[in-house]
């Protein structure tokens, strides 16, 4: 299992466009991937779950992946969030 925390810096947080891109990247991996915010876990491969997390700018989320490509999955999602531009 691999975990990484990330503080959202983009203006819209993890809503609409960034959420869609996040889900699309997560879908590329075999591992189970979740986002944790405020003690609640959300399926990173479900756009509905990602939007329900309501992660806003300045909030910290934890991305957890478990499976054969867990390291690559977490790294790719962190890279996406770190380089997202409005």
C-alpha atoms as a PDB file:
ATOM      1  CA  UNK A   1       0.000   0.000   0.000  1.00  0.00           C
ATOM      2  CA  UNK A   2       1.235   3.492  -0.831  1.00  0.00           C
ATOM      3  CA  UNK A   3      -0.094   6.701   0.711  1.00  0.00           C
ATOM      4  CA  UNK A   4       0.682  10.332   0.043  1.00  0.00           C
ATOM      5  CA  UNK A   5      -0.796  13.536   1.412  1.00  0.00           C
ATOM      6  CA  UNK A   6      -1.282  16.547  -0.846  1.00  0.00           C
ATOM      7  CA  UNK A   7      -2.524  20.060  -0.117  1.00  0.00           C
ATOM      8  CA  UNK A   8      -4.634  21.364  -2.977  1.00  0.00           C
ATOM      9  CA  UNK A   9      -3.269  24.617  -4.342  1.00  0.00           C
ATOM     10  CA  UNK A  10      -5.378  25.216  -7.445  1.00  0.00           C
ATOM     11  CA  UNK A  11      -8.246  27.674  -7.151  1.00  0.00           C
ATOM     12  CA  UNK A  12     -11.058  25.191  -7.767  1.00  0.00           C
ATOM     13  CA  UNK A  13      -9.698  22.405  -5.559  1.00  0.00           C
ATOM     14  CA  UNK A  14     -10.848  18.964  -6.677  1.00  0.00           C
ATOM     15  CA  UNK A  15     -14.052  20.037  -8.440  1.00  0.00           C
ATOM     16  CA  UNK A  16     -15.379  19.836 -12.017  1.00  0.00           C
ATOM     17  CA  UNK A  17     -12.465  19.784 -14.474  1.00  0.00           C
ATOM     18  CA  UNK A  18      -9.703  18.699 -12.070  1.00  0.00           C
ATOM     19  CA  UNK A  19     -11.981  15.994 -10.644  1.00  0.00           C
ATOM     20  CA  UNK A  20     -12.668  14.663 -14.137  1.00  0.00           C
ATOM     21  CA  UNK A  21      -8.968  14.555 -14.996  1.00  0.00           C
ATOM     22  CA  UNK A  22      -8.194  12.930 -11.629  1.00  0.00           C
ATOM     23  CA  UNK A  23     -10.767  10.186 -12.245  1.00  0.00           C
ATOM     24  CA  UNK A  24      -9.491   9.591 -15.786  1.00  0.00           C
ATOM     25  CA  UNK A  25      -5.917   9.119 -14.550  1.00  0.00           C
ATOM     26  CA  UNK A  26      -7.035   6.871 -11.672  1.00  0.00           C
ATOM     27  CA  UNK A  27      -8.951   4.662 -14.130  1.00  0.00           C
ATOM     28  CA  UNK A  28      -5.691   3.875 -15.941  1.00  0.00           C
ATOM     29  CA  UNK A  29      -4.410   1.836 -12.980  1.00  0.00           C
ATOM     30  CA  UNK A  30      -5.322  -1.617 -11.746  1.00  0.00           C
ATOM     31  CA  UNK A  31      -4.818  -0.723  -8.075  1.00  0.00           C
ATOM     32  CA  UNK A  32      -7.674   0.268  -5.794  1.00  0.00           C
ATOM     33  CA  UNK A  33      -7.313   3.996  -5.208  1.00  0.00           C
ATOM     34  CA  UNK A  34      -9.020   6.149  -2.608  1.00  0.00           C
ATOM     35  CA  UNK A  35      -8.966   9.775  -1.540  1.00  0.00           C
ATOM     36  CA  UNK A  36      -9.296  10.476   2.151  1.00  0.00           C
ATOM     37  CA  UNK A  37     -10.505  13.818   3.476  1.00  0.00           C
ATOM     38  CA  UNK A  38     -11.588  14.597   7.014  1.00  0.00           C
ATOM     39  CA  UNK A  39     -11.461  10.899   7.939  1.00  0.00           C
ATOM     40  CA  UNK A  40     -13.782   9.791   5.138  1.00  0.00           C
ATOM     41  CA  UNK A  41     -12.626   7.689   2.166  1.00  0.00           C
ATOM     42  CA  UNK A  42     -13.817   8.202  -1.413  1.00  0.00           C
ATOM     43  CA  UNK A  43     -13.300   6.024  -4.507  1.00  0.00           C
ATOM     44  CA  UNK A  44     -10.833   7.822  -6.795  1.00  0.00           C
ATOM     45  CA  UNK A  45     -12.236   5.988  -9.823  1.00  0.00           C
ATOM     46  CA  UNK A  46     -15.725   7.433  -9.294  1.00  0.00           C
ATOM     47  CA  UNK A  47     -16.393  11.013 -10.391  1.00  0.00           C
ATOM     48  CA  UNK A  48     -19.385  11.131  -8.035  1.00  0.00           C
ATOM     49  CA  UNK A  49     -17.241  10.107  -5.050  1.00  0.00           C
ATOM     50  CA  UNK A  50     -14.532  12.609  -5.960  1.00  0.00           C
ATOM     51  CA  UNK A  51     -17.074  15.423  -6.149  1.00  0.00           C
ATOM     52  CA  UNK A  52     -18.662  14.286  -2.881  1.00  0.00           C
ATOM     53  CA  UNK A  53     -15.303  14.715  -1.177  1.00  0.00           C
ATOM     54  CA  UNK A  54     -15.743  18.466  -1.802  1.00  0.00           C
ATOM     55  CA  UNK A  55     -11.995  19.062  -1.486  1.00  0.00           C
ATOM     56  CA  UNK A  56     -11.307  22.789  -1.761  1.00  0.00           C
ATOM     57  CA  UNK A  57      -8.184  24.875  -2.233  1.00  0.00           C
ATOM     58  CA  UNK A  58      -5.963  24.731   0.844  1.00  0.00           C
ATOM     59  CA  UNK A  59      -7.353  21.409   2.091  1.00  0.00           C
ATOM     60  CA  UNK A  60      -5.186  18.320   2.401  1.00  0.00           C
ATOM     61  CA  UNK A  61      -6.243  14.993   0.956  1.00  0.00           C
ATOM     62  CA  UNK A  62      -4.544  11.617   1.288  1.00  0.00           C
ATOM     63  CA  UNK A  63      -4.302   9.431  -1.788  1.00  0.00           C
ATOM     64  CA  UNK A  64      -3.993   5.716  -1.074  1.00  0.00           C
ATOM     65  CA  UNK A  65      -3.409   2.979  -3.629  1.00  0.00           C
ATOM     66  CA  UNK A  66      -3.215  -0.745  -3.099  1.00  0.00           C
ATOM     67  CA  UNK A  67      -2.338  -3.143  -5.875  1.00  0.00           C
ATOM     68  CA  UNK A  68       0.288  -4.079  -8.428  1.00  0.00           C
ATOM     69  CA  UNK A  69       0.820  -0.529  -9.722  1.00  0.00           C
ATOM     70  CA  UNK A  70       0.221   1.382  -6.481  1.00  0.00           C
ATOM     71  CA  UNK A  71       3.458   3.395  -6.607  1.00  0.00           C
ATOM     72  CA  UNK A  72       2.880   4.545 -10.174  1.00  0.00           C
ATOM     73  CA  UNK A  73      -0.758   5.387  -9.437  1.00  0.00           C
ATOM     74  CA  UNK A  74      -0.055   7.618  -6.462  1.00  0.00           C
ATOM     75  CA  UNK A  75       2.877   9.286  -8.212  1.00  0.00           C
ATOM     76  CA  UNK A  76       0.779  10.023 -11.322  1.00  0.00           C
ATOM     77  CA  UNK A  77      -2.098  11.488  -9.312  1.00  0.00           C
ATOM     78  CA  UNK A  78       0.196  13.665  -7.201  1.00  0.00           C
ATOM     79  CA  UNK A  79       1.913  14.880 -10.363  1.00  0.00           C
ATOM     80  CA  UNK A  80      -1.467  15.703 -11.927  1.00  0.00           C
ATOM     81  CA  UNK A  81      -2.550  17.744  -8.911  1.00  0.00           C
ATOM     82  CA  UNK A  82       0.811  19.486  -8.561  1.00  0.00           C
ATOM     83  CA  UNK A  83       0.833  20.569 -12.208  1.00  0.00           C
ATOM     84  CA  UNK A  84      -2.856  21.355 -12.709  1.00  0.00           C
ATOM     85  CA  UNK A  85      -3.487  24.799 -14.144  1.00  0.00           C
ATOM     86  CA  UNK A  86      -6.887  26.459 -14.243  1.00  0.00           C
END
